[in-house]
């Protein structure tokens, strides 16, 4: 854009990484989040999962007691973005994450 004889650069935001403004109104005085929407992050790739990513999933994997084999009331939550699912890597990513968290044995 030309302005008074100088060329100014236009900043075009990347479509894959939404901008998150760092303003002082994100947390109140008690430290609680006050935004209407806090985006999720993909557990496998650390990408931000946008509100319009309708191919993304979030699943809870139950933790079981090692002796009885029963659900102990706790679970691990994994979020997988649509890009990982489109590549067909979601099953491998969930298995890798479950191994790292000790839900699945390392030699599985």
PDB file of N, CA and C in Angstrom:
ATOM      1  N   UNK A   1       0.853  -1.148   0.000  1.00  0.00           N
ATOM      2  CA  UNK A   1       0.000   0.000   0.000  1.00  0.00           C
ATOM      3  C   UNK A   1       0.907   1.222   0.000  1.00  0.00           C
ATOM      4  N   UNK A   2       0.608   2.175  -0.833  1.00  0.00           N
ATOM      5  CA  UNK A   2       1.406   3.391  -0.918  1.00  0.00           C
ATOM      6  C   UNK A   2       0.812   4.454  -0.019  1.00  0.00           C
ATOM      7  N   UNK A   3       1.672   5.043   0.773  1.00  0.00           N
ATOM      8  CA  UNK A   3       1.234   6.071   1.699  1.00  0.00           C
ATOM      9  C   UNK A   3       2.354   7.085   1.807  1.00  0.00           C
ATOM     10  N   UNK A   4       2.121   8.260   1.333  1.00  0.00           N
ATOM     11  CA  UNK A   4       3.069   9.379   1.363  1.00  0.00           C
ATOM     12  C   UNK A   4       4.418   9.003   0.770  1.00  0.00           C
ATOM     13  N   UNK A   5       4.386   8.268  -0.335  1.00  0.00           N
ATOM     14  CA  UNK A   5       5.616   7.948  -1.028  1.00  0.00           C
ATOM     15  C   UNK A   5       6.363   6.746  -0.473  1.00  0.00           C
ATOM     16  N   UNK A   6       5.921   6.173   0.612  1.00  0.00           N
ATOM     17  CA  UNK A   6       6.589   5.006   1.183  1.00  0.00           C
ATOM     18  C   UNK A   6       5.757   3.756   0.921  1.00  0.00           C
ATOM     19  N   UNK A   7       6.425   2.646   0.886  1.00  0.00           N
ATOM     20  CA  UNK A   7       5.734   1.371   0.744  1.00  0.00           C
ATOM     21  C   UNK A   7       5.602   0.770   2.138  1.00  0.00           C
ATOM     22  N   UNK A   8       4.368   0.532   2.545  1.00  0.00           N
ATOM     23  CA  UNK A   8       4.125  -0.077   3.848  1.00  0.00           C
ATOM     24  C   UNK A   8       3.791  -1.545   3.649  1.00  0.00           C
ATOM     25  N   UNK A   9       4.272  -2.346   4.538  1.00  0.00           N
ATOM     26  CA  UNK A   9       3.988  -3.775   4.459  1.00  0.00           C
ATOM     27  C   UNK A   9       2.651  -4.076   5.097  1.00  0.00           C
ATOM     28  N   UNK A  10       1.874  -4.864   4.407  1.00  0.00           N
ATOM     29  CA  UNK A  10       0.625  -5.353   4.983  1.00  0.00           C
ATOM     30  C   UNK A  10       0.918  -6.663   5.689  1.00  0.00           C
ATOM     31  N   UNK A  11       0.426  -6.814   6.876  1.00  0.00           N
ATOM     32  CA  UNK A  11       0.599  -8.058   7.614  1.00  0.00           C
ATOM     33  C   UNK A  11      -0.634  -8.914   7.381  1.00  0.00           C
ATOM     34  N   UNK A  12      -0.417 -10.036   6.710  1.00  0.00           N
ATOM     35  CA  UNK A  12      -1.503 -10.959   6.425  1.00  0.00           C
ATOM     36  C   UNK A  12      -1.339 -12.140   7.369  1.00  0.00           C
ATOM     37  N   UNK A  13      -2.304 -12.376   8.249  1.00  0.00           N
ATOM     38  CA  UNK A  13      -2.163 -13.485   9.199  1.00  0.00           C
ATOM     39  C   UNK A  13      -2.243 -14.824   8.490  1.00  0.00           C
ATOM     40  N   UNK A  14      -1.502 -15.786   8.991  1.00  0.00           N
ATOM     41  CA  UNK A  14      -1.508 -17.133   8.456  1.00  0.00           C
ATOM     42  C   UNK A  14      -2.848 -17.795   8.777  1.00  0.00           C
ATOM     43  N   UNK A  15      -3.437 -18.457   7.790  1.00  0.00           N
ATOM     44  CA  UNK A  15      -4.760 -19.056   7.983  1.00  0.00           C
ATOM     45  C   UNK A  15      -4.717 -20.264   8.917  1.00  0.00           C
ATOM     46  N   UNK A  16      -3.560 -20.923   9.022  1.00  0.00           N
ATOM     47  CA  UNK A  16      -3.471 -22.124   9.847  1.00  0.00           C
ATOM     48  C   UNK A  16      -3.260 -21.822  11.320  1.00  0.00           C
ATOM     49  N   UNK A  17      -2.721 -20.660  11.642  1.00  0.00           N
ATOM     50  CA  UNK A  17      -2.466 -20.338  13.041  1.00  0.00           C
ATOM     51  C   UNK A  17      -3.245 -19.094  13.417  1.00  0.00           C
ATOM     52  N   UNK A  18      -4.371 -19.259  14.086  1.00  0.00           N
ATOM     53  CA  UNK A  18      -5.156 -18.087  14.474  1.00  0.00           C
ATOM     54  C   UNK A  18      -4.403 -17.242  15.487  1.00  0.00           C
ATOM     55  N   UNK A  19      -4.623 -15.945  15.402  1.00  0.00           N
ATOM     56  CA  UNK A  19      -3.947 -15.033  16.303  1.00  0.00           C
ATOM     57  C   UNK A  19      -4.650 -15.022  17.651  1.00  0.00           C
ATOM     58  N   UNK A  20      -3.861 -15.032  18.691  1.00  0.00           N
ATOM     59  CA  UNK A  20      -4.378 -14.936  20.047  1.00  0.00           C
ATOM     60  C   UNK A  20      -3.826 -13.653  20.624  1.00  0.00           C
ATOM     61  N   UNK A  21      -4.705 -12.735  20.944  1.00  0.00           N
ATOM     62  CA  UNK A  21      -4.245 -11.456  21.467  1.00  0.00           C
ATOM     63  C   UNK A  21      -3.906 -11.601  22.938  1.00  0.00           C
ATOM     64  N   UNK A  22      -2.781 -11.055  23.314  1.00  0.00           N
ATOM     65  CA  UNK A  22      -2.337 -11.101  24.700  1.00  0.00           C
ATOM     66  C   UNK A  22      -2.741  -9.804  25.385  1.00  0.00           C
ATOM     67  N   UNK A  23      -3.974  -9.726  25.807  1.00  0.00           N
ATOM     68  CA  UNK A  23      -4.450  -8.535  26.485  1.00  0.00           C
ATOM     69  C   UNK A  23      -4.588  -8.824  27.965  1.00  0.00           C
ATOM     70  N   UNK A  24      -4.771  -7.779  28.736  1.00  0.00           N
ATOM     71  CA  UNK A  24      -4.842  -7.947  30.182  1.00  0.00           C
ATOM     72  C   UNK A  24      -6.191  -8.485  30.640  1.00  0.00           C
ATOM     73  N   UNK A  25      -7.174  -8.567  29.756  1.00  0.00           N
ATOM     74  CA  UNK A  25      -8.488  -9.032  30.184  1.00  0.00           C
ATOM     75  C   UNK A  25      -8.687 -10.532  29.982  1.00  0.00           C
ATOM     76  N   UNK A  26      -7.631 -11.290  29.728  1.00  0.00           N
ATOM     77  CA  UNK A  26      -7.784 -12.730  29.567  1.00  0.00           C
ATOM     78  C   UNK A  26      -8.010 -13.423  30.904  1.00  0.00           C
ATOM     79  N   UNK A  27      -7.463 -12.859  31.993  1.00  0.00           N
ATOM     80  CA  UNK A  27      -7.664 -13.428  33.318  1.00  0.00           C
ATOM     81  C   UNK A  27      -8.136 -12.326  34.253  1.00  0.00           C
ATOM     82  N   UNK A  28      -8.981 -12.704  35.175  1.00  0.00           N
ATOM     83  CA  UNK A  28      -9.423 -11.715  36.153  1.00  0.00           C
ATOM     84  C   UNK A  28      -8.425 -11.655  37.308  1.00  0.00           C
ATOM     85  N   UNK A  29      -8.724 -10.891  38.325  1.00  0.00           N
ATOM     86  CA  UNK A  29      -7.799 -10.722  39.446  1.00  0.00           C
ATOM     87  C   UNK A  29      -7.565 -12.018  40.213  1.00  0.00           C
ATOM     88  N   UNK A  30      -8.532 -12.915  40.168  1.00  0.00           N
ATOM     89  CA  UNK A  30      -8.385 -14.196  40.856  1.00  0.00           C
ATOM     90  C   UNK A  30      -7.598 -15.206  40.025  1.00  0.00           C
ATOM     91  N   UNK A  31      -7.224 -14.859  38.795  1.00  0.00           N
ATOM     92  CA  UNK A  31      -6.469 -15.752  37.930  1.00  0.00           C
ATOM     93  C   UNK A  31      -7.319 -16.704  37.126  1.00  0.00           C
ATOM     94  N   UNK A  32      -8.632 -16.502  37.092  1.00  0.00           N
ATOM     95  CA  UNK A  32      -9.533 -17.366  36.334  1.00  0.00           C
ATOM     96  C   UNK A  32      -9.653 -16.847  34.909  1.00  0.00           C
ATOM     97  N   UNK A  33      -9.789 -17.770  33.946  1.00  0.00           N
ATOM     98  CA  UNK A  33      -9.971 -17.372  32.559  1.00  0.00           C
ATOM     99  C   UNK A  33     -11.360 -16.778  32.374  1.00  0.00           C
ATOM    100  N   UNK A  34     -11.443 -15.689  31.649  1.00  0.00           N
ATOM    101  CA  UNK A  34     -12.718 -15.020  31.453  1.00  0.00           C
ATOM    102  C   UNK A  34     -13.100 -14.949  29.983  1.00  0.00           C
ATOM    103  N   UNK A  35     -12.316 -15.567  29.097  1.00  0.00           N
ATOM    104  CA  UNK A  35     -12.666 -15.560  27.685  1.00  0.00           C
ATOM    105  C   UNK A  35     -13.846 -16.481  27.437  1.00  0.00           C
ATOM    106  N   UNK A  36     -14.598 -16.183  26.394  1.00  0.00           N
ATOM    107  CA  UNK A  36     -15.726 -17.031  26.038  1.00  0.00           C
ATOM    108  C   UNK A  36     -15.265 -18.329  25.399  1.00  0.00           C
ATOM    109  N   UNK A  37     -14.124 -18.294  24.703  1.00  0.00           N
ATOM    110  CA  UNK A  37     -13.653 -19.471  23.985  1.00  0.00           C
ATOM    111  C   UNK A  37     -12.161 -19.638  24.238  1.00  0.00           C
ATOM    112  N   UNK A  38     -11.786 -20.749  24.812  1.00  0.00           N
ATOM    113  CA  UNK A  38     -10.384 -21.099  24.988  1.00  0.00           C
ATOM    114  C   UNK A  38     -10.119 -22.277  24.060  1.00  0.00           C
ATOM    115  N   UNK A  39      -9.275 -22.117  23.042  1.00  0.00           N
ATOM    116  CA  UNK A  39      -9.089 -23.188  22.062  1.00  0.00           C
ATOM    117  C   UNK A  39      -8.353 -24.385  22.648  1.00  0.00           C
ATOM    118  N   UNK A  40      -8.653 -25.553  22.094  1.00  0.00           N
ATOM    119  CA  UNK A  40      -7.953 -26.773  22.473  1.00  0.00           C
ATOM    120  C   UNK A  40      -6.681 -26.891  21.647  1.00  0.00           C
ATOM    121  N   UNK A  41      -5.754 -27.703  22.106  1.00  0.00           N
ATOM    122  CA  UNK A  41      -4.547 -27.989  21.343  1.00  0.00           C
ATOM    123  C   UNK A  41      -4.513 -29.475  21.046  1.00  0.00           C
ATOM    124  N   UNK A  42      -4.017 -29.803  19.859  1.00  0.00           N
ATOM    125  CA  UNK A  42      -3.896 -31.196  19.458  1.00  0.00           C
ATOM    126  C   UNK A  42      -2.855 -31.873  20.346  1.00  0.00           C
ATOM    127  N   UNK A  43      -3.178 -33.028  20.877  1.00  0.00           N
ATOM    128  CA  UNK A  43      -2.252 -33.750  21.748  1.00  0.00           C
ATOM    129  C   UNK A  43      -1.072 -34.311  20.974  1.00  0.00           C
ATOM    130  N   UNK A  44      -1.248 -34.590  19.689  1.00  0.00           N
ATOM    131  CA  UNK A  44      -0.190 -35.197  18.894  1.00  0.00           C
ATOM    132  C   UNK A  44       0.746 -34.170  18.274  1.00  0.00           C
ATOM    133  N   UNK A  45       0.213 -33.050  17.796  1.00  0.00           N
ATOM    134  CA  UNK A  45       1.038 -32.091  17.053  1.00  0.00           C
ATOM    135  C   UNK A  45       1.161 -30.729  17.721  1.00  0.00           C
ATOM    136  N   UNK A  46       0.453 -30.497  18.800  1.00  0.00           N
ATOM    137  CA  UNK A  46       0.425 -29.202  19.502  1.00  0.00           C
ATOM    138  C   UNK A  46      -0.157 -28.068  18.662  1.00  0.00           C
ATOM    139  N   UNK A  47      -0.866 -28.382  17.607  1.00  0.00           N
ATOM    140  CA  UNK A  47      -1.555 -27.353  16.828  1.00  0.00           C
ATOM    141  C   UNK A  47      -2.800 -26.908  17.576  1.00  0.00           C
ATOM    142  N   UNK A  48      -3.153 -25.650  17.392  1.00  0.00           N
ATOM    143  CA  UNK A  48      -4.401 -25.166  17.970  1.00  0.00           C
ATOM    144  C   UNK A  48      -5.557 -25.708  17.139  1.00  0.00           C
ATOM    145  N   UNK A  49      -6.544 -26.276  17.801  1.00  0.00           N
ATOM    146  CA  UNK A  49      -7.726 -26.797  17.117  1.00  0.00           C
ATOM    147  C   UNK A  49      -8.741 -25.669  17.066  1.00  0.00           C
ATOM    148  N   UNK A  50      -9.017 -25.193  15.876  1.00  0.00           N
ATOM    149  CA  UNK A  50      -9.933 -24.075  15.700  1.00  0.00           C
ATOM    150  C   UNK A  50     -11.378 -24.476  15.927  1.00  0.00           C
ATOM    151  N   UNK A  51     -12.211 -23.481  16.073  1.00  0.00           N
ATOM    152  CA  UNK A  51     -13.632 -23.735  16.322  1.00  0.00           C
ATOM    153  C   UNK A  51     -14.305 -24.382  15.118  1.00  0.00           C
ATOM    154  N   UNK A  52     -13.795 -24.151  13.929  1.00  0.00           N
ATOM    155  CA  UNK A  52     -14.405 -24.690  12.715  1.00  0.00           C
ATOM    156  C   UNK A  52     -13.758 -25.988  12.244  1.00  0.00           C
ATOM    157  N   UNK A  53     -12.873 -26.565  13.032  1.00  0.00           N
ATOM    158  CA  UNK A  53     -12.260 -27.843  12.679  1.00  0.00           C
ATOM    159  C   UNK A  53     -13.217 -28.959  13.088  1.00  0.00           C
ATOM    160  N   UNK A  54     -14.151 -29.263  12.211  1.00  0.00           N
ATOM    161  CA  UNK A  54     -15.187 -30.240  12.526  1.00  0.00           C
ATOM    162  C   UNK A  54     -14.705 -31.679  12.376  1.00  0.00           C
ATOM    163  N   UNK A  55     -13.489 -31.875  11.863  1.00  0.00           N
ATOM    164  CA  UNK A  55     -12.934 -33.222  11.754  1.00  0.00           C
ATOM    165  C   UNK A  55     -12.152 -33.615  12.998  1.00  0.00           C
ATOM    166  N   UNK A  56     -11.968 -32.698  13.930  1.00  0.00           N
ATOM    167  CA  UNK A  56     -11.195 -32.999  15.134  1.00  0.00           C
ATOM    168  C   UNK A  56     -12.026 -33.836  16.106  1.00  0.00           C
ATOM    169  N   UNK A  57     -11.322 -34.574  16.945  1.00  0.00           N
ATOM    170  CA  UNK A  57     -11.986 -35.409  17.948  1.00  0.00           C
ATOM    171  C   UNK A  57     -11.350 -35.161  19.312  1.00  0.00           C
ATOM    172  N   UNK A  58     -12.089 -35.485  20.340  1.00  0.00           N
ATOM    173  CA  UNK A  58     -11.566 -35.496  21.696  1.00  0.00           C
ATOM    174  C   UNK A  58     -12.077 -36.768  22.344  1.00  0.00           C
ATOM    175  N   UNK A  59     -11.170 -37.544  22.902  1.00  0.00           N
ATOM    176  CA  UNK A  59     -11.583 -38.814  23.492  1.00  0.00           C
ATOM    177  C   UNK A  59     -10.976 -38.972  24.874  1.00  0.00           C
ATOM    178  N   UNK A  60     -11.715 -39.644  25.734  1.00  0.00           N
ATOM    179  CA  UNK A  60     -11.258 -39.972  27.075  1.00  0.00           C
ATOM    180  C   UNK A  60     -10.897 -41.451  27.097  1.00  0.00           C
ATOM    181  N   UNK A  61      -9.657 -41.743  27.510  1.00  0.00           N
ATOM    182  CA  UNK A  61      -9.198 -43.125  27.625  1.00  0.00           C
ATOM    183  C   UNK A  61      -9.166 -43.462  29.109  1.00  0.00           C
ATOM    184  N   UNK A  62      -9.902 -44.485  29.488  1.00  0.00           N
ATOM    185  CA  UNK A  62     -10.057 -44.841  30.901  1.00  0.00           C
ATOM    186  C   UNK A  62      -8.778 -45.454  31.452  1.00  0.00           C
ATOM    187  N   UNK A  63      -8.479 -45.126  32.704  1.00  0.00           N
ATOM    188  CA  UNK A  63      -7.403 -45.789  33.433  1.00  0.00           C
ATOM    189  C   UNK A  63      -8.029 -46.915  34.246  1.00  0.00           C
ATOM    190  N   UNK A  64      -7.387 -48.069  34.232  1.00  0.00           N
ATOM    191  CA  UNK A  64      -7.926 -49.228  34.939  1.00  0.00           C
ATOM    192  C   UNK A  64      -6.964 -49.655  36.035  1.00  0.00           C
ATOM    193  N   UNK A  65      -7.514 -50.297  37.043  1.00  0.00           N
ATOM    194  CA  UNK A  65      -6.709 -50.827  38.136  1.00  0.00           C
ATOM    195  C   UNK A  65      -5.910 -52.013  37.617  1.00  0.00           C
ATOM    196  N   UNK A  66      -4.623 -52.076  37.952  1.00  0.00           N
ATOM    197  CA  UNK A  66      -3.762 -53.142  37.430  1.00  0.00           C
ATOM    198  C   UNK A  66      -4.112 -54.509  38.010  1.00  0.00           C
ATOM    199  N   UNK A  67      -4.654 -54.536  39.206  1.00  0.00           N
ATOM    200  CA  UNK A  67      -4.967 -55.816  39.857  1.00  0.00           C
ATOM    201  C   UNK A  67      -6.324 -56.337  39.404  1.00  0.00           C
ATOM    202  N   UNK A  68      -7.360 -55.509  39.518  1.00  0.00           N
ATOM    203  CA  UNK A  68      -8.716 -55.974  39.222  1.00  0.00           C
ATOM    204  C   UNK A  68      -9.111 -55.785  37.765  1.00  0.00           C
ATOM    205  N   UNK A  69      -8.459 -54.872  37.066  1.00  0.00           N
ATOM    206  CA  UNK A  69      -8.821 -54.609  35.677  1.00  0.00           C
ATOM    207  C   UNK A  69     -10.075 -53.783  35.536  1.00  0.00           C
ATOM    208  N   UNK A  70     -10.486 -53.102  36.598  1.00  0.00           N
ATOM    209  CA  UNK A  70     -11.698 -52.284  36.578  1.00  0.00           C
ATOM    210  C   UNK A  70     -11.355 -50.806  36.461  1.00  0.00           C
ATOM    211  N   UNK A  71     -12.310 -50.066  35.937  1.00  0.00           N
ATOM    212  CA  UNK A  71     -12.184 -48.614  35.794  1.00  0.00           C
ATOM    213  C   UNK A  71     -12.068 -47.984  37.177  1.00  0.00           C
ATOM    214  N   UNK A  72     -11.033 -47.143  37.371  1.00  0.00           N
ATOM    215  CA  UNK A  72     -10.812 -46.558  38.693  1.00  0.00           C
ATOM    216  C   UNK A  72     -11.340 -45.129  38.811  1.00  0.00           C
ATOM    217  N   UNK A  73     -12.103 -44.674  37.840  1.00  0.00           N
ATOM    218  CA  UNK A  73     -12.707 -43.346  37.917  1.00  0.00           C
ATOM    219  C   UNK A  73     -11.880 -42.242  37.298  1.00  0.00           C
ATOM    220  N   UNK A  74     -10.691 -42.558  36.816  1.00  0.00           N
ATOM    221  CA  UNK A  74      -9.842 -41.547  36.191  1.00  0.00           C
ATOM    222  C   UNK A  74      -9.668 -41.865  34.720  1.00  0.00           C
ATOM    223  N   UNK A  75      -9.346 -40.824  33.951  1.00  0.00           N
ATOM    224  CA  UNK A  75      -9.131 -41.012  32.525  1.00  0.00           C
ATOM    225  C   UNK A  75      -8.170 -39.953  32.014  1.00  0.00           C
ATOM    226  N   UNK A  76      -7.594 -40.219  30.849  1.00  0.00           N
ATOM    227  CA  UNK A  76      -6.734 -39.268  30.150  1.00  0.00           C
ATOM    228  C   UNK A  76      -7.512 -38.764  28.942  1.00  0.00           C
ATOM    229  N   UNK A  77      -7.431 -37.470  28.691  1.00  0.00           N
ATOM    230  CA  UNK A  77      -8.138 -36.863  27.569  1.00  0.00           C
ATOM    231  C   UNK A  77      -7.145 -36.544  26.466  1.00  0.00           C
ATOM    232  N   UNK A  78      -7.452 -36.984  25.261  1.00  0.00           N
ATOM    233  CA  UNK A  78      -6.626 -36.704  24.092  1.00  0.00           C
ATOM    234  C   UNK A  78      -7.480 -35.981  23.062  1.00  0.00           C
ATOM    235  N   UNK A  79      -6.929 -34.930  22.481  1.00  0.00           N
ATOM    236  CA  UNK A  79      -7.586 -34.194  21.399  1.00  0.00           C
ATOM    237  C   UNK A  79      -6.724 -34.352  20.152  1.00  0.00           C
ATOM    238  N   UNK A  80      -7.337 -34.738  19.048  1.00  0.00           N
ATOM    239  CA  UNK A  80      -6.635 -34.942  17.784  1.00  0.00           C
ATOM    240  C   UNK A  80      -7.254 -34.016  16.753  1.00  0.00           C
ATOM    241  N   UNK A  81      -6.414 -33.228  16.086  1.00  0.00           N
ATOM    242  CA  UNK A  81      -6.916 -32.264  15.102  1.00  0.00           C
ATOM    243  C   UNK A  81      -7.277 -32.977  13.798  1.00  0.00           C
ATOM    244  N   UNK A  82      -8.031 -32.297  12.970  1.00  0.00           N
ATOM    245  CA  UNK A  82      -8.486 -32.864  11.712  1.00  0.00           C
ATOM    246  C   UNK A  82      -7.366 -33.146  10.734  1.00  0.00           C
ATOM    247  N   UNK A  83      -6.284 -32.364  10.789  1.00  0.00           N
ATOM    248  CA  UNK A  83      -5.163 -32.580   9.870  1.00  0.00           C
ATOM    249  C   UNK A  83      -4.484 -33.921  10.138  1.00  0.00           C
ATOM    250  N   UNK A  84      -4.309 -34.273  11.388  1.00  0.00           N
ATOM    251  CA  UNK A  84      -3.709 -35.569  11.741  1.00  0.00           C
ATOM    252  C   UNK A  84      -4.633 -36.703  11.310  1.00  0.00           C
ATOM    253  N   UNK A  85      -5.928 -36.511  11.466  1.00  0.00           N
ATOM    254  CA  UNK A  85      -6.887 -37.542  11.060  1.00  0.00           C
ATOM    255  C   UNK A  85      -6.915 -37.705   9.550  1.00  0.00           C
ATOM    256  N   UNK A  86      -6.812 -36.598   8.803  1.00  0.00           N
ATOM    257  CA  UNK A  86      -6.804 -36.683   7.340  1.00  0.00           C
ATOM    258  C   UNK A  86      -5.580 -37.433   6.828  1.00  0.00           C
ATOM    259  N   UNK A  87      -4.453 -37.304   7.541  1.00  0.00           N
ATOM    260  CA  UNK A  87      -3.236 -38.015   7.140  1.00  0.00           C
ATOM    261  C   UNK A  87      -3.281 -39.491   7.525  1.00  0.00           C
ATOM    262  N   UNK A  88      -4.269 -39.884   8.312  1.00  0.00           N
ATOM    263  CA  UNK A  88      -4.375 -41.272   8.741  1.00  0.00           C
ATOM    264  C   UNK A  88      -3.404 -41.624   9.854  1.00  0.00           C
ATOM    265  N   UNK A  89      -2.982 -40.637  10.622  1.00  0.00           N
ATOM    266  CA  UNK A  89      -2.000 -40.850  11.678  1.00  0.00           C
ATOM    267  C   UNK A  89      -2.606 -40.831  13.073  1.00  0.00           C
ATOM    268  N   UNK A  90      -3.926 -40.748  13.177  1.00  0.00           N
ATOM    269  CA  UNK A  90      -4.530 -40.593  14.503  1.00  0.00           C
ATOM    270  C   UNK A  90      -4.380 -41.851  15.352  1.00  0.00           C
ATOM    271  N   UNK A  91      -4.502 -43.030  14.756  1.00  0.00           N
ATOM    272  CA  UNK A  91      -4.380 -44.251  15.548  1.00  0.00           C
ATOM    273  C   UNK A  91      -2.973 -44.418  16.101  1.00  0.00           C
ATOM    274  N   UNK A  92      -1.967 -44.125  15.292  1.00  0.00           N
ATOM    275  CA  UNK A  92      -0.586 -44.215  15.752  1.00  0.00           C
ATOM    276  C   UNK A  92      -0.287 -43.159  16.813  1.00  0.00           C
ATOM    277  N   UNK A  93      -0.854 -41.971  16.646  1.00  0.00           N
ATOM    278  CA  UNK A  93      -0.633 -40.892  17.611  1.00  0.00           C
ATOM    279  C   UNK A  93      -1.259 -41.222  18.960  1.00  0.00           C
ATOM    280  N   UNK A  94      -2.473 -41.763  18.948  1.00  0.00           N
ATOM    281  CA  UNK A  94      -3.139 -42.114  20.203  1.00  0.00           C
ATOM    282  C   UNK A  94      -2.388 -43.242  20.906  1.00  0.00           C
ATOM    283  N   UNK A  95      -1.900 -44.219  20.150  1.00  0.00           N
ATOM    284  CA  UNK A  95      -1.125 -45.303  20.746  1.00  0.00           C
ATOM    285  C   UNK A  95       0.172 -44.773  21.358  1.00  0.00           C
ATOM    286  N   UNK A  96       0.857 -43.872  20.660  1.00  0.00           N
ATOM    287  CA  UNK A  96       2.094 -43.285  21.178  1.00  0.00           C
ATOM    288  C   UNK A  96       1.831 -42.497  22.455  1.00  0.00           C
ATOM    289  N   UNK A  97       0.760 -41.694  22.470  1.00  0.00           N
ATOM    290  CA  UNK A  97       0.419 -40.914  23.658  1.00  0.00           C
ATOM    291  C   UNK A  97       0.040 -41.817  24.832  1.00  0.00           C
ATOM    292  N   UNK A  98      -0.701 -42.883  24.554  1.00  0.00           N
ATOM    293  CA  UNK A  98      -1.105 -43.803  25.617  1.00  0.00           C
ATOM    294  C   UNK A  98       0.099 -44.554  26.186  1.00  0.00           C
ATOM    295  N   UNK A  99       1.071 -44.885  25.344  1.00  0.00           N
ATOM    296  CA  UNK A  99       2.298 -45.516  25.838  1.00  0.00           C
ATOM    297  C   UNK A  99       3.076 -44.556  26.729  1.00  0.00           C
ATOM    298  N   UNK A 100       3.165 -43.289  26.317  1.00  0.00           N
ATOM    299  CA  UNK A 100       3.897 -42.300  27.116  1.00  0.00           C
ATOM    300  C   UNK A 100       3.230 -42.055  28.462  1.00  0.00           C
ATOM    301  N   UNK A 101       1.899 -42.153  28.518  1.00  0.00           N
ATOM    302  CA  UNK A 101       1.170 -41.928  29.767  1.00  0.00           C
ATOM    303  C   UNK A 101       1.045 -43.192  30.616  1.00  0.00           C
ATOM    304  N   UNK A 102       1.533 -44.322  30.115  1.00  0.00           N
ATOM    305  CA  UNK A 102       1.493 -45.556  30.888  1.00  0.00           C
ATOM    306  C   UNK A 102       0.168 -46.275  30.844  1.00  0.00           C
ATOM    307  N   UNK A 103      -0.714 -45.905  29.941  1.00  0.00           N
ATOM    308  CA  UNK A 103      -2.009 -46.585  29.827  1.00  0.00           C
ATOM    309  C   UNK A 103      -1.840 -47.910  29.089  1.00  0.00           C
ATOM    310  N   UNK A 104      -0.994 -47.906  28.072  1.00  0.00           N
ATOM    311  CA  UNK A 104      -0.699 -49.107  27.297  1.00  0.00           C
ATOM    312  C   UNK A 104       0.746 -49.494  27.600  1.00  0.00           C
ATOM    313  N   UNK A 105       1.026 -50.789  27.663  1.00  0.00           N
ATOM    314  CA  UNK A 105       2.388 -51.226  27.971  1.00  0.00           C
ATOM    315  C   UNK A 105       3.345 -50.804  26.858  1.00  0.00           C
ATOM    316  N   UNK A 106       4.590 -50.584  27.220  1.00  0.00           N
ATOM    317  CA  UNK A 106       5.604 -50.082  26.275  1.00  0.00           C
ATOM    318  C   UNK A 106       5.899 -51.076  25.163  1.00  0.00           C
ATOM    319  N   UNK A 107       5.743 -52.374  25.423  1.00  0.00           N
ATOM    320  CA  UNK A 107       6.058 -53.381  24.406  1.00  0.00           C
ATOM    321  C   UNK A 107       4.841 -53.801  23.591  1.00  0.00           C
ATOM    322  N   UNK A 108       3.772 -53.022  23.617  1.00  0.00           N
ATOM    323  CA  UNK A 108       2.558 -53.333  22.869  1.00  0.00           C
ATOM    324  C   UNK A 108       2.811 -53.157  21.400  1.00  0.00           C
TER     325      UNK A 108
END
